[in-house]
Structure formats: structure tokens, C-alpha cells
Amino acid sequence: IGSRVHLGGEIYPVKVLGVLGMIDEGEMDWKAIAIDMDDPLASKVNTIADLEKHFPNKVASIVNWFKYYKVPDGKPVNEFAFNDEAKDEEFAMDVIELTHNLWKDTSAIKKAGLWKP
């Protein structure tokens, strides 16, 4: 999230604000919500509530985009856990830590059913 559009593959520091739990064809696909640390509003946006204050309806627009982006390819509408609501930064960091640890341990990824060769 921010005022600048970054290039694909660009790496830059962010502040995690929350996470969305997208269900893509029956599988959980977490979507982290973060703001560019260099964004002019980064010091004011620390929570999902702050995000909605400074970027009204941003979470709803993200959910809407991810729900329908595969429909033109003939795929079903994606669903979201938690009534389409973003979970907070603490929950997001738990998800990030868990998924990062799974990524580091390929055997755990396979056991968790997340490995797609």
C-alpha cells in the first residue's frame, strides 16, 4: 500500500498492517497488507483502522480484486475467511512467521500439504 507504484520484483522495506485469508480453489492463500516504509503516510498508518482512515475502502477494494481476478480465465470467484475482513498486525506476523518457517523446512511444507511440485 502506498502512493508509489513499485516495479514487479522490486524489494523495499515495509510495515506490516494486517493480513487477508483468501481461499483460492479450496486452499488458504494469505495476502499480507503492508505499507512502504518510505511512503509519506507510513508514520501515520500503523493499523488496518489507520489504513481505512487514510485510504478509505482500501481493504474492500483489495478483497474485491482478489475475489474476481481469475474469473475471466474461467475460474471460480475466490472466497475470504473472516467475513472478508483483514486481521490485525499481530495475527499477520504470526501467519508470516509460520509460513516462513514452513518455507524454510521443505519437509514441513510437504507434510502441511502446501508443496506443489
PDB file of N, CA and C in Angstrom:
ATOM      1  N   ILE A   1       0.855  -1.157   0.000  1.00  0.00           N
ATOM      2  CA  ILE A   1       0.000   0.000   0.000  1.00  0.00           C
ATOM      3  C   ILE A   1       0.905   1.225   0.000  1.00  0.00           C
ATOM      4  N   GLY A   2       0.502   2.244  -0.703  1.00  0.00           N
ATOM      5  CA  GLY A   2       1.265   3.475  -0.693  1.00  0.00           C
ATOM      6  C   GLY A   2       0.974   4.319  -1.917  1.00  0.00           C
ATOM      7  N   SER A   3       1.653   5.424  -1.993  1.00  0.00           N
ATOM      8  CA  SER A   3       1.413   6.373  -3.069  1.00  0.00           C
ATOM      9  C   SER A   3       2.245   6.093  -4.307  1.00  0.00           C
ATOM     10  N   ARG A   4       3.247   5.231  -4.187  1.00  0.00           N
ATOM     11  CA  ARG A   4       4.124   4.917  -5.317  1.00  0.00           C
ATOM     12  C   ARG A   4       3.826   3.513  -5.842  1.00  0.00           C
ATOM     13  N   VAL A   5       3.792   3.373  -7.166  1.00  0.00           N
ATOM     14  CA  VAL A   5       3.648   2.058  -7.773  1.00  0.00           C
ATOM     15  C   VAL A   5       5.052   1.503  -7.976  1.00  0.00           C
ATOM     16  N   HIS A   6       5.313   0.341  -7.366  1.00  0.00           N
ATOM     17  CA  HIS A   6       6.634  -0.282  -7.465  1.00  0.00           C
ATOM     18  C   HIS A   6       6.692  -1.216  -8.660  1.00  0.00           C
ATOM     19  N   LEU A   7       7.898  -1.484  -9.108  1.00  0.00           N
ATOM     20  CA  LEU A   7       8.112  -2.421 -10.199  1.00  0.00           C
ATOM     21  C   LEU A   7       7.954  -3.847  -9.696  1.00  0.00           C
ATOM     22  N   GLY A   8       7.545  -4.751 -10.571  1.00  0.00           N
ATOM     23  CA  GLY A   8       7.466  -6.160 -10.218  1.00  0.00           C
ATOM     24  C   GLY A   8       8.843  -6.668  -9.807  1.00  0.00           C
ATOM     25  N   GLY A   9       8.906  -7.393  -8.705  1.00  0.00           N
ATOM     26  CA  GLY A   9      10.168  -7.940  -8.222  1.00  0.00           C
ATOM     27  C   GLY A   9      11.012  -6.971  -7.419  1.00  0.00           C
ATOM     28  N   GLU A  10      10.560  -5.743  -7.302  1.00  0.00           N
ATOM     29  CA  GLU A  10      11.314  -4.734  -6.538  1.00  0.00           C
ATOM     30  C   GLU A  10      11.256  -5.086  -5.054  1.00  0.00           C
ATOM     31  N   ILE A  11      12.376  -4.915  -4.368  1.00  0.00           N
ATOM     32  CA  ILE A  11      12.457  -5.197  -2.937  1.00  0.00           C
ATOM     33  C   ILE A  11      12.604  -3.883  -2.190  1.00  0.00           C
ATOM     34  N   TYR A  12      11.772  -3.691  -1.175  1.00  0.00           N
ATOM     35  CA  TYR A  12      11.809  -2.455  -0.387  1.00  0.00           C
ATOM     36  C   TYR A  12      11.227  -2.731   0.993  1.00  0.00           C
ATOM     37  N   PRO A  13      11.630  -1.960   1.992  1.00  0.00           N
ATOM     38  CA  PRO A  13      11.130  -2.201   3.350  1.00  0.00           C
ATOM     39  C   PRO A  13       9.666  -1.782   3.502  1.00  0.00           C
ATOM     40  N   VAL A  14       8.916  -2.604   4.258  1.00  0.00           N
ATOM     41  CA  VAL A  14       7.507  -2.328   4.503  1.00  0.00           C
ATOM     42  C   VAL A  14       7.184  -2.489   5.981  1.00  0.00           C
ATOM     43  N   LYS A  15       6.046  -1.952   6.360  1.00  0.00           N
ATOM     44  CA  LYS A  15       5.492  -2.134   7.699  1.00  0.00           C
ATOM     45  C   LYS A  15       4.217  -2.966   7.541  1.00  0.00           C
ATOM     46  N   VAL A  16       4.169  -4.119   8.181  1.00  0.00           N
ATOM     47  CA  VAL A  16       3.005  -4.998   8.092  1.00  0.00           C
ATOM     48  C   VAL A  16       1.853  -4.386   8.885  1.00  0.00           C
ATOM     49  N   LEU A  17       0.672  -4.337   8.235  1.00  0.00           N
ATOM     50  CA  LEU A  17      -0.521  -3.776   8.864  1.00  0.00           C
ATOM     51  C   LEU A  17      -1.552  -4.846   9.216  1.00  0.00           C
ATOM     52  N   GLY A  18      -1.605  -5.884   8.395  1.00  0.00           N
ATOM     53  CA  GLY A  18      -2.597  -6.923   8.602  1.00  0.00           C
ATOM     54  C   GLY A  18      -2.475  -7.996   7.536  1.00  0.00           C
ATOM     55  N   VAL A  19      -3.480  -8.870   7.498  1.00  0.00           N
ATOM     56  CA  VAL A  19      -3.466  -9.975   6.538  1.00  0.00           C
ATOM     57  C   VAL A  19      -4.904 -10.356   6.194  1.00  0.00           C
ATOM     58  N   LEU A  20      -5.090 -10.794   4.956  1.00  0.00           N
ATOM     59  CA  LEU A  20      -6.363 -11.328   4.491  1.00  0.00           C
ATOM     60  C   LEU A  20      -6.208 -12.825   4.270  1.00  0.00           C
ATOM     61  N   GLY A  21      -7.225 -13.579   4.607  1.00  0.00           N
ATOM     62  CA  GLY A  21      -7.205 -15.026   4.399  1.00  0.00           C
ATOM     63  C   GLY A  21      -8.025 -15.404   3.180  1.00  0.00           C
ATOM     64  N   MET A  22      -7.395 -15.391   2.000  1.00  0.00           N
ATOM     65  CA  MET A  22      -8.086 -15.744   0.775  1.00  0.00           C
ATOM     66  C   MET A  22      -8.126 -17.258   0.608  1.00  0.00           C
ATOM     67  N   ILE A  23      -9.272 -17.763   0.190  1.00  0.00           N
ATOM     68  CA  ILE A  23      -9.417 -19.184  -0.093  1.00  0.00           C
ATOM     69  C   ILE A  23      -9.501 -19.314  -1.612  1.00  0.00           C
ATOM     70  N   ASP A  24      -8.426 -19.808  -2.185  1.00  0.00           N
ATOM     71  CA  ASP A  24      -8.268 -19.902  -3.638  1.00  0.00           C
ATOM     72  C   ASP A  24      -8.406 -21.363  -4.050  1.00  0.00           C
ATOM     73  N   GLU A  25      -9.531 -21.675  -4.701  1.00  0.00           N
ATOM     74  CA  GLU A  25      -9.814 -23.039  -5.132  1.00  0.00           C
ATOM     75  C   GLU A  25      -9.651 -24.035  -3.976  1.00  0.00           C
ATOM     76  N   GLY A  26     -10.158 -23.651  -2.799  1.00  0.00           N
ATOM     77  CA  GLY A  26     -10.162 -24.526  -1.638  1.00  0.00           C
ATOM     78  C   GLY A  26      -8.907 -24.498  -0.786  1.00  0.00           C
ATOM     79  N   GLU A  27      -7.899 -23.737  -1.176  1.00  0.00           N
ATOM     80  CA  GLU A  27      -6.654 -23.659  -0.406  1.00  0.00           C
ATOM     81  C   GLU A  27      -6.457 -22.248   0.151  1.00  0.00           C
ATOM     82  N   MET A  28      -5.942 -22.185   1.387  1.00  0.00           N
ATOM     83  CA  MET A  28      -5.672 -20.890   2.002  1.00  0.00           C
ATOM     84  C   MET A  28      -4.507 -20.223   1.294  1.00  0.00           C
ATOM     85  N   ASP A  29      -4.677 -18.958   0.963  1.00  0.00           N
ATOM     86  CA  ASP A  29      -3.662 -18.161   0.275  1.00  0.00           C
ATOM     87  C   ASP A  29      -3.611 -16.807   0.981  1.00  0.00           C
ATOM     88  N   TRP A  30      -2.725 -16.687   1.966  1.00  0.00           N
ATOM     89  CA  TRP A  30      -2.639 -15.472   2.780  1.00  0.00           C
ATOM     90  C   TRP A  30      -2.176 -14.291   1.945  1.00  0.00           C
ATOM     91  N   LYS A  31      -2.770 -13.148   2.169  1.00  0.00           N
ATOM     92  CA  LYS A  31      -2.411 -11.903   1.491  1.00  0.00           C
ATOM     93  C   LYS A  31      -2.040 -10.867   2.555  1.00  0.00           C
ATOM     94  N   ALA A  32      -0.750 -10.606   2.668  1.00  0.00           N
ATOM     95  CA  ALA A  32      -0.278  -9.618   3.646  1.00  0.00           C
ATOM     96  C   ALA A  32      -0.589  -8.216   3.143  1.00  0.00           C
ATOM     97  N   ILE A  33      -0.956  -7.352   4.063  1.00  0.00           N
ATOM     98  CA  ILE A  33      -1.193  -5.944   3.756  1.00  0.00           C
ATOM     99  C   ILE A  33      -0.106  -5.156   4.477  1.00  0.00           C
ATOM    100  N   ALA A  34       0.653  -4.389   3.709  1.00  0.00           N
ATOM    101  CA  ALA A  34       1.774  -3.637   4.273  1.00  0.00           C
ATOM    102  C   ALA A  34       1.885  -2.296   3.568  1.00  0.00           C
ATOM    103  N   ILE A  35       2.561  -1.361   4.216  1.00  0.00           N
ATOM    104  CA  ILE A  35       2.800  -0.049   3.611  1.00  0.00           C
ATOM    105  C   ILE A  35       4.299   0.149   3.428  1.00  0.00           C
ATOM    106  N   ASP A  36       4.656   0.751   2.333  1.00  0.00           N
ATOM    107  CA  ASP A  36       6.048   1.100   2.036  1.00  0.00           C
ATOM    108  C   ASP A  36       6.561   2.007   3.155  1.00  0.00           C
ATOM    109  N   MET A  37       7.670   1.638   3.758  1.00  0.00           N
ATOM    110  CA  MET A  37       8.227   2.430   4.860  1.00  0.00           C
ATOM    111  C   MET A  37       8.625   3.842   4.421  1.00  0.00           C
ATOM    112  N   ASP A  38       8.864   4.035   3.123  1.00  0.00           N
ATOM    113  CA  ASP A  38       9.236   5.357   2.615  1.00  0.00           C
ATOM    114  C   ASP A  38       8.035   6.177   2.166  1.00  0.00           C
ATOM    115  N   ASP A  39       6.838   5.632   2.309  1.00  0.00           N
ATOM    116  CA  ASP A  39       5.647   6.370   1.906  1.00  0.00           C
ATOM    117  C   ASP A  39       5.440   7.569   2.828  1.00  0.00           C
ATOM    118  N   PRO A  40       5.010   8.693   2.285  1.00  0.00           N
ATOM    119  CA  PRO A  40       4.757   9.870   3.131  1.00  0.00           C
ATOM    120  C   PRO A  40       3.772   9.620   4.277  1.00  0.00           C
ATOM    121  N   LEU A  41       2.873   8.653   4.118  1.00  0.00           N
ATOM    122  CA  LEU A  41       1.894   8.366   5.175  1.00  0.00           C
ATOM    123  C   LEU A  41       2.305   7.216   6.093  1.00  0.00           C
ATOM    124  N   ALA A  42       3.477   6.629   5.879  1.00  0.00           N
ATOM    125  CA  ALA A  42       3.892   5.463   6.670  1.00  0.00           C
ATOM    126  C   ALA A  42       3.897   5.737   8.167  1.00  0.00           C
ATOM    127  N   SER A  43       4.262   6.934   8.573  1.00  0.00           N
ATOM    128  CA  SER A  43       4.304   7.232  10.012  1.00  0.00           C
ATOM    129  C   SER A  43       2.899   7.336  10.619  1.00  0.00           C
ATOM    130  N   LYS A  44       1.879   7.539   9.771  1.00  0.00           N
ATOM    131  CA  LYS A  44       0.511   7.688  10.260  1.00  0.00           C
ATOM    132  C   LYS A  44      -0.318   6.417  10.113  1.00  0.00           C
ATOM    133  N   VAL A  45       0.172   5.477   9.308  1.00  0.00           N
ATOM    134  CA  VAL A  45      -0.594   4.252   9.045  1.00  0.00           C
ATOM    135  C   VAL A  45       0.106   3.088   9.747  1.00  0.00           C
ATOM    136  N   ASN A  46      -0.472   2.669  10.877  1.00  0.00           N
ATOM    137  CA  ASN A  46       0.113   1.615  11.701  1.00  0.00           C
ATOM    138  C   ASN A  46      -0.814   0.427  11.908  1.00  0.00           C
ATOM    139  N   THR A  47      -2.075   0.593  11.565  1.00  0.00           N
ATOM    140  CA  THR A  47      -3.080  -0.446  11.768  1.00  0.00           C
ATOM    141  C   THR A  47      -4.022  -0.487  10.565  1.00  0.00           C
ATOM    142  N   ILE A  48      -4.854  -1.513  10.524  1.00  0.00           N
ATOM    143  CA  ILE A  48      -5.879  -1.576   9.474  1.00  0.00           C
ATOM    144  C   ILE A  48      -6.836  -0.394   9.607  1.00  0.00           C
ATOM    145  N   ALA A  49      -7.165   0.011  10.828  1.00  0.00           N
ATOM    146  CA  ALA A  49      -8.042   1.178  11.026  1.00  0.00           C
ATOM    147  C   ALA A  49      -7.399   2.442  10.464  1.00  0.00           C
ATOM    148  N   ASP A  50      -6.092   2.609  10.697  1.00  0.00           N
ATOM    149  CA  ASP A  50      -5.378   3.756  10.126  1.00  0.00           C
ATOM    150  C   ASP A  50      -5.404   3.694   8.597  1.00  0.00           C
ATOM    151  N   LEU A  51      -5.241   2.491   8.059  1.00  0.00           N
ATOM    152  CA  LEU A  51      -5.272   2.313   6.613  1.00  0.00           C
ATOM    153  C   LEU A  51      -6.606   2.791   6.054  1.00  0.00           C
ATOM    154  N   GLU A  52      -7.695   2.382   6.698  1.00  0.00           N
ATOM    155  CA  GLU A  52      -9.022   2.781   6.233  1.00  0.00           C
ATOM    156  C   GLU A  52      -9.246   4.294   6.389  1.00  0.00           C
ATOM    157  N   LYS A  53      -8.624   4.887   7.388  1.00  0.00           N
ATOM    158  CA  LYS A  53      -8.751   6.338   7.591  1.00  0.00           C
ATOM    159  C   LYS A  53      -8.054   7.099   6.461  1.00  0.00           C
ATOM    160  N   HIS A  54      -6.860   6.677   6.094  1.00  0.00           N
ATOM    161  CA  HIS A  54      -6.073   7.410   5.108  1.00  0.00           C
ATOM    162  C   HIS A  54      -6.272   6.910   3.673  1.00  0.00           C
ATOM    163  N   PHE A  55      -6.728   5.670   3.536  1.00  0.00           N
ATOM    164  CA  PHE A  55      -7.020   5.069   2.227  1.00  0.00           C
ATOM    165  C   PHE A  55      -8.411   4.431   2.328  1.00  0.00           C
ATOM    166  N   PRO A  56      -9.478   5.250   2.318  1.00  0.00           N
ATOM    167  CA  PRO A  56     -10.832   4.722   2.539  1.00  0.00           C
ATOM    168  C   PRO A  56     -11.186   3.578   1.584  1.00  0.00           C
ATOM    169  N   ASN A  57     -11.792   2.542   2.172  1.00  0.00           N
ATOM    170  CA  ASN A  57     -12.256   1.361   1.439  1.00  0.00           C
ATOM    171  C   ASN A  57     -11.144   0.552   0.779  1.00  0.00           C
ATOM    172  N   LYS A  58      -9.913   0.730   1.217  1.00  0.00           N
ATOM    173  CA  LYS A  58      -8.780   0.024   0.606  1.00  0.00           C
ATOM    174  C   LYS A  58      -8.897  -1.484   0.803  1.00  0.00           C
ATOM    175  N   VAL A  59      -9.237  -1.937   2.010  1.00  0.00           N
ATOM    176  CA  VAL A  59      -9.341  -3.372   2.252  1.00  0.00           C
ATOM    177  C   VAL A  59     -10.442  -3.962   1.364  1.00  0.00           C
ATOM    178  N   ALA A  60     -11.580  -3.317   1.279  1.00  0.00           N
ATOM    179  CA  ALA A  60     -12.676  -3.809   0.438  1.00  0.00           C
ATOM    180  C   ALA A  60     -12.257  -3.874  -1.024  1.00  0.00           C
ATOM    181  N   SER A  61     -11.496  -2.901  -1.489  1.00  0.00           N
ATOM    182  CA  SER A  61     -11.059  -2.921  -2.891  1.00  0.00           C
ATOM    183  C   SER A  61     -10.055  -4.040  -3.145  1.00  0.00           C
ATOM    184  N   ILE A  62      -9.192  -4.321  -2.170  1.00  0.00           N
ATOM    185  CA  ILE A  62      -8.243  -5.436  -2.304  1.00  0.00           C
ATOM    186  C   ILE A  62      -9.007  -6.751  -2.349  1.00  0.00           C
ATOM    187  N   VAL A  63      -9.952  -6.927  -1.430  1.00  0.00           N
ATOM    188  CA  VAL A  63     -10.761  -8.147  -1.390  1.00  0.00           C
ATOM    189  C   VAL A  63     -11.499  -8.315  -2.717  1.00  0.00           C
ATOM    190  N   ASN A  64     -12.117  -7.263  -3.193  1.00  0.00           N
ATOM    191  CA  ASN A  64     -12.872  -7.321  -4.442  1.00  0.00           C
ATOM    192  C   ASN A  64     -11.980  -7.727  -5.609  1.00  0.00           C
ATOM    193  N   TRP A  65     -10.790  -7.168  -5.700  1.00  0.00           N
ATOM    194  CA  TRP A  65      -9.884  -7.503  -6.797  1.00  0.00           C
ATOM    195  C   TRP A  65      -9.496  -8.980  -6.739  1.00  0.00           C
ATOM    196  N   PHE A  66      -9.097  -9.450  -5.551  1.00  0.00           N
ATOM    197  CA  PHE A  66      -8.677 -10.844  -5.429  1.00  0.00           C
ATOM    198  C   PHE A  66      -9.839 -11.825  -5.600  1.00  0.00           C
ATOM    199  N   LYS A  67     -11.058 -11.420  -5.285  1.00  0.00           N
ATOM    200  CA  LYS A  67     -12.195 -12.309  -5.486  1.00  0.00           C
ATOM    201  C   LYS A  67     -12.399 -12.629  -6.967  1.00  0.00           C
ATOM    202  N   TYR A  68     -12.218 -11.628  -7.816  1.00  0.00           N
ATOM    203  CA  TYR A  68     -12.633 -11.764  -9.210  1.00  0.00           C
ATOM    204  C   TYR A  68     -11.511 -11.827 -10.233  1.00  0.00           C
ATOM    205  N   TYR A  69     -10.251 -11.735  -9.834  1.00  0.00           N
ATOM    206  CA  TYR A  69      -9.190 -11.613 -10.829  1.00  0.00           C
ATOM    207  C   TYR A  69      -8.986 -12.846 -11.686  1.00  0.00           C
ATOM    208  N   LYS A  70      -9.448 -14.015 -11.247  1.00  0.00           N
ATOM    209  CA  LYS A  70      -9.292 -15.241 -12.042  1.00  0.00           C
ATOM    210  C   LYS A  70     -10.554 -15.614 -12.820  1.00  0.00           C
ATOM    211  N   VAL A  71     -11.635 -14.903 -12.590  1.00  0.00           N
ATOM    212  CA  VAL A  71     -12.910 -15.222 -13.242  1.00  0.00           C
ATOM    213  C   VAL A  71     -12.805 -15.154 -14.770  1.00  0.00           C
ATOM    214  N   PRO A  72     -12.125 -14.161 -15.353  1.00  0.00           N
ATOM    215  CA  PRO A  72     -12.021 -14.141 -16.821  1.00  0.00           C
ATOM    216  C   PRO A  72     -11.339 -15.381 -17.405  1.00  0.00           C
ATOM    217  N   ASP A  73     -10.538 -16.089 -16.585  1.00  0.00           N
ATOM    218  CA  ASP A  73      -9.883 -17.320 -17.029  1.00  0.00           C
ATOM    219  C   ASP A  73     -10.763 -18.550 -16.814  1.00  0.00           C
ATOM    220  N   GLY A  74     -12.028 -18.320 -16.414  1.00  0.00           N
ATOM    221  CA  GLY A  74     -12.950 -19.428 -16.212  1.00  0.00           C
ATOM    222  C   GLY A  74     -12.879 -20.061 -14.831  1.00  0.00           C
ATOM    223  N   LYS A  75     -12.143 -19.445 -13.930  1.00  0.00           N
ATOM    224  CA  LYS A  75     -12.016 -19.988 -12.572  1.00  0.00           C
ATOM    225  C   LYS A  75     -13.113 -19.399 -11.679  1.00  0.00           C
ATOM    226  N   PRO A  76     -13.407 -20.078 -10.564  1.00  0.00           N
ATOM    227  CA  PRO A  76     -14.470 -19.581  -9.681  1.00  0.00           C
ATOM    228  C   PRO A  76     -14.039 -18.334  -8.904  1.00  0.00           C
ATOM    229  N   VAL A  77     -15.027 -17.641  -8.381  1.00  0.00           N
ATOM    230  CA  VAL A  77     -14.785 -16.482  -7.519  1.00  0.00           C
ATOM    231  C   VAL A  77     -14.093 -16.974  -6.252  1.00  0.00           C
ATOM    232  N   ASN A  78     -13.028 -16.302  -5.848  1.00  0.00           N
ATOM    233  CA  ASN A  78     -12.335 -16.651  -4.609  1.00  0.00           C
ATOM    234  C   ASN A  78     -13.160 -16.203  -3.411  1.00  0.00           C
ATOM    235  N   GLU A  79     -13.008 -16.923  -2.311  1.00  0.00           N
ATOM    236  CA  GLU A  79     -13.675 -16.572  -1.062  1.00  0.00           C
ATOM    237  C   GLU A  79     -12.635 -16.076  -0.073  1.00  0.00           C
ATOM    238  N   PHE A  80     -13.115 -15.440   0.989  1.00  0.00           N
ATOM    239  CA  PHE A  80     -12.230 -14.958   2.041  1.00  0.00           C
ATOM    240  C   PHE A  80     -12.724 -15.424   3.395  1.00  0.00           C
ATOM    241  N   ALA A  81     -11.777 -15.820   4.233  1.00  0.00           N
ATOM    242  CA  ALA A  81     -12.086 -16.161   5.618  1.00  0.00           C
ATOM    243  C   ALA A  81     -12.382 -14.880   6.390  1.00  0.00           C
ATOM    244  N   PHE A  82     -12.890 -15.014   7.571  1.00  0.00           N
ATOM    245  CA  PHE A  82     -13.098 -13.883   8.493  1.00  0.00           C
ATOM    246  C   PHE A  82     -14.054 -12.830   7.928  1.00  0.00           C
ATOM    247  N   ASN A  83     -15.079 -13.279   7.184  1.00  0.00           N
ATOM    248  CA  ASN A  83     -16.095 -12.361   6.638  1.00  0.00           C
ATOM    249  C   ASN A  83     -15.492 -11.248   5.788  1.00  0.00           C
ATOM    250  N   ASP A  84     -14.487 -11.581   5.008  1.00  0.00           N
ATOM    251  CA  ASP A  84     -13.823 -10.619   4.109  1.00  0.00           C
ATOM    252  C   ASP A  84     -13.066  -9.520   4.865  1.00  0.00           C
ATOM    253  N   GLU A  85     -12.839  -9.698   6.151  1.00  0.00           N
ATOM    254  CA  GLU A  85     -12.169  -8.662   6.946  1.00  0.00           C
ATOM    255  C   GLU A  85     -10.695  -8.994   7.133  1.00  0.00           C
ATOM    256  N   ALA A  86      -9.883  -7.952   7.179  1.00  0.00           N
ATOM    257  CA  ALA A  86      -8.449  -8.120   7.434  1.00  0.00           C
ATOM    258  C   ALA A  86      -8.224  -8.361   8.922  1.00  0.00           C
ATOM    259  N   LYS A  87      -7.322  -9.275   9.215  1.00  0.00           N
ATOM    260  CA  LYS A  87      -6.888  -9.494  10.591  1.00  0.00           C
ATOM    261  C   LYS A  87      -5.777  -8.492  10.892  1.00  0.00           C
ATOM    262  N   ASP A  88      -5.514  -8.259  12.176  1.00  0.00           N
ATOM    263  CA  ASP A  88      -4.572  -7.216  12.585  1.00  0.00           C
ATOM    264  C   ASP A  88      -3.101  -7.614  12.403  1.00  0.00           C
ATOM    265  N   GLU A  89      -2.228  -6.677  12.721  1.00  0.00           N
ATOM    266  CA  GLU A  89      -0.785  -6.850  12.535  1.00  0.00           C
ATOM    267  C   GLU A  89      -0.241  -8.024  13.343  1.00  0.00           C
ATOM    268  N   GLU A  90      -0.708  -8.209  14.553  1.00  0.00           N
ATOM    269  CA  GLU A  90      -0.212  -9.312  15.379  1.00  0.00           C
ATOM    270  C   GLU A  90      -0.547 -10.658  14.728  1.00  0.00           C
ATOM    271  N   PHE A  91      -1.777 -10.809  14.273  1.00  0.00           N
ATOM    272  CA  PHE A  91      -2.193 -12.030  13.589  1.00  0.00           C
ATOM    273  C   PHE A  91      -1.365 -12.211  12.315  1.00  0.00           C
ATOM    274  N   ALA A  92      -1.182 -11.123  11.575  1.00  0.00           N
ATOM    275  CA  ALA A  92      -0.404 -11.168  10.333  1.00  0.00           C
ATOM    276  C   ALA A  92       1.025 -11.632  10.586  1.00  0.00           C
ATOM    277  N   MET A  93       1.645 -11.110  11.627  1.00  0.00           N
ATOM    278  CA  MET A  93       3.025 -11.505  11.922  1.00  0.00           C
ATOM    279  C   MET A  93       3.107 -12.982  12.309  1.00  0.00           C
ATOM    280  N   ASP A  94       2.079 -13.496  12.997  1.00  0.00           N
ATOM    281  CA  ASP A  94       2.038 -14.928  13.312  1.00  0.00           C
ATOM    282  C   ASP A  94       1.959 -15.753  12.028  1.00  0.00           C
ATOM    283  N   VAL A  95       1.117 -15.319  11.086  1.00  0.00           N
ATOM    284  CA  VAL A  95       0.990 -16.020   9.803  1.00  0.00           C
ATOM    285  C   VAL A  95       2.307 -15.955   9.032  1.00  0.00           C
ATOM    286  N   ILE A  96       2.917 -14.791   9.001  1.00  0.00           N
ATOM    287  CA  ILE A  96       4.185 -14.629   8.281  1.00  0.00           C
ATOM    288  C   ILE A  96       5.263 -15.513   8.883  1.00  0.00           C
ATOM    289  N   GLU A  97       5.350 -15.537  10.203  1.00  0.00           N
ATOM    290  CA  GLU A  97       6.355 -16.385  10.856  1.00  0.00           C
ATOM    291  C   GLU A  97       6.101 -17.868  10.573  1.00  0.00           C
ATOM    292  N   LEU A  98       4.857 -18.282  10.699  1.00  0.00           N
ATOM    293  CA  LEU A  98       4.516 -19.678  10.442  1.00  0.00           C
ATOM    294  C   LEU A  98       4.838 -20.073   9.004  1.00  0.00           C
ATOM    295  N   THR A  99       4.389 -19.288   8.055  1.00  0.00           N
ATOM    296  CA  THR A  99       4.614 -19.648   6.652  1.00  0.00           C
ATOM    297  C   THR A  99       6.087 -19.544   6.274  1.00  0.00           C
ATOM    298  N   HIS A 100       6.806 -18.605   6.864  1.00  0.00           N
ATOM    299  CA  HIS A 100       8.243 -18.512   6.602  1.00  0.00           C
ATOM    300  C   HIS A 100       8.958 -19.752   7.135  1.00  0.00           C
ATOM    301  N   ASN A 101       8.593 -20.176   8.332  1.00  0.00           N
ATOM    302  CA  ASN A 101       9.213 -21.378   8.898  1.00  0.00           C
ATOM    303  C   ASN A 101       8.877 -22.620   8.070  1.00  0.00           C
ATOM    304  N   LEU A 102       7.640 -22.698   7.565  1.00  0.00           N
ATOM    305  CA  LEU A 102       7.281 -23.805   6.685  1.00  0.00           C
ATOM    306  C   LEU A 102       8.097 -23.762   5.396  1.00  0.00           C
ATOM    307  N   TRP A 103       8.279 -22.579   4.856  1.00  0.00           N
ATOM    308  CA  TRP A 103       9.069 -22.416   3.638  1.00  0.00           C
ATOM    309  C   TRP A 103      10.509 -22.872   3.863  1.00  0.00           C
ATOM    310  N   LYS A 104      11.059 -22.557   5.044  1.00  0.00           N
ATOM    311  CA  LYS A 104      12.435 -22.947   5.341  1.00  0.00           C
ATOM    312  C   LYS A 104      12.585 -24.457   5.462  1.00  0.00           C
ATOM    313  N   ASP A 105      11.534 -25.133   5.831  1.00  0.00           N
ATOM    314  CA  ASP A 105      11.594 -26.571   6.060  1.00  0.00           C
ATOM    315  C   ASP A 105      10.717 -27.283   5.032  1.00  0.00           C
ATOM    316  N   THR A 106      11.327 -27.672   3.921  1.00  0.00           N
ATOM    317  CA  THR A 106      10.577 -28.285   2.832  1.00  0.00           C
ATOM    318  C   THR A 106       9.797 -29.504   3.292  1.00  0.00           C
ATOM    319  N   SER A 107      10.362 -30.291   4.190  1.00  0.00           N
ATOM    320  CA  SER A 107       9.633 -31.472   4.654  1.00  0.00           C
ATOM    321  C   SER A 107       8.361 -31.062   5.386  1.00  0.00           C
ATOM    322  N   ALA A 108       8.415 -29.980   6.141  1.00  0.00           N
ATOM    323  CA  ALA A 108       7.216 -29.489   6.830  1.00  0.00           C
ATOM    324  C   ALA A 108       6.198 -28.970   5.813  1.00  0.00           C
ATOM    325  N   ILE A 109       6.670 -28.359   4.748  1.00  0.00           N
ATOM    326  CA  ILE A 109       5.769 -27.873   3.698  1.00  0.00           C
ATOM    327  C   ILE A 109       5.023 -29.060   3.095  1.00  0.00           C
ATOM    328  N   LYS A 110       5.752 -30.123   2.807  1.00  0.00           N
ATOM    329  CA  LYS A 110       5.115 -31.314   2.237  1.00  0.00           C
ATOM    330  C   LYS A 110       4.110 -31.904   3.214  1.00  0.00           C
ATOM    331  N   LYS A 111       4.463 -32.006   4.493  1.00  0.00           N
ATOM    332  CA  LYS A 111       3.555 -32.565   5.490  1.00  0.00           C
ATOM    333  C   LYS A 111       2.312 -31.711   5.661  1.00  0.00           C
ATOM    334  N   ALA A 112       2.460 -30.387   5.508  1.00  0.00           N
ATOM    335  CA  ALA A 112       1.330 -29.469   5.671  1.00  0.00           C
ATOM    336  C   ALA A 112       0.441 -29.446   4.420  1.00  0.00           C
ATOM    337  N   GLY A 113       0.860 -30.146   3.362  1.00  0.00           N
ATOM    338  CA  GLY A 113       0.065 -30.172   2.142  1.00  0.00           C
ATOM    339  C   GLY A 113       0.215 -28.931   1.285  1.00  0.00           C
ATOM    340  N   LEU A 114       1.286 -28.166   1.520  1.00  0.00           N
ATOM    341  CA  LEU A 114       1.496 -26.919   0.777  1.00  0.00           C
ATOM    342  C   LEU A 114       2.472 -27.073  -0.391  1.00  0.00           C
ATOM    343  N   TRP A 115       3.009 -28.260  -0.587  1.00  0.00           N
ATOM    344  CA  TRP A 115       4.021 -28.471  -1.629  1.00  0.00           C
ATOM    345  C   TRP A 115       3.337 -28.842  -2.936  1.00  0.00           C
ATOM    346  N   LYS A 116       3.636 -28.084  -3.979  1.00  0.00           N
ATOM    347  CA  LYS A 116       3.109 -28.370  -5.311  1.00  0.00           C
ATOM    348  C   LYS A 116       4.283 -28.482  -6.268  1.00  0.00           C
ATOM    349  N   PRO A 117       4.790 -29.730  -6.516  1.00  0.00           N
ATOM    350  CA  PRO A 117       5.964 -29.879  -7.399  1.00  0.00           C
ATOM    351  C   PRO A 117       5.675 -29.472  -8.835  1.00  0.00           C
TER     352      PRO A 117
END
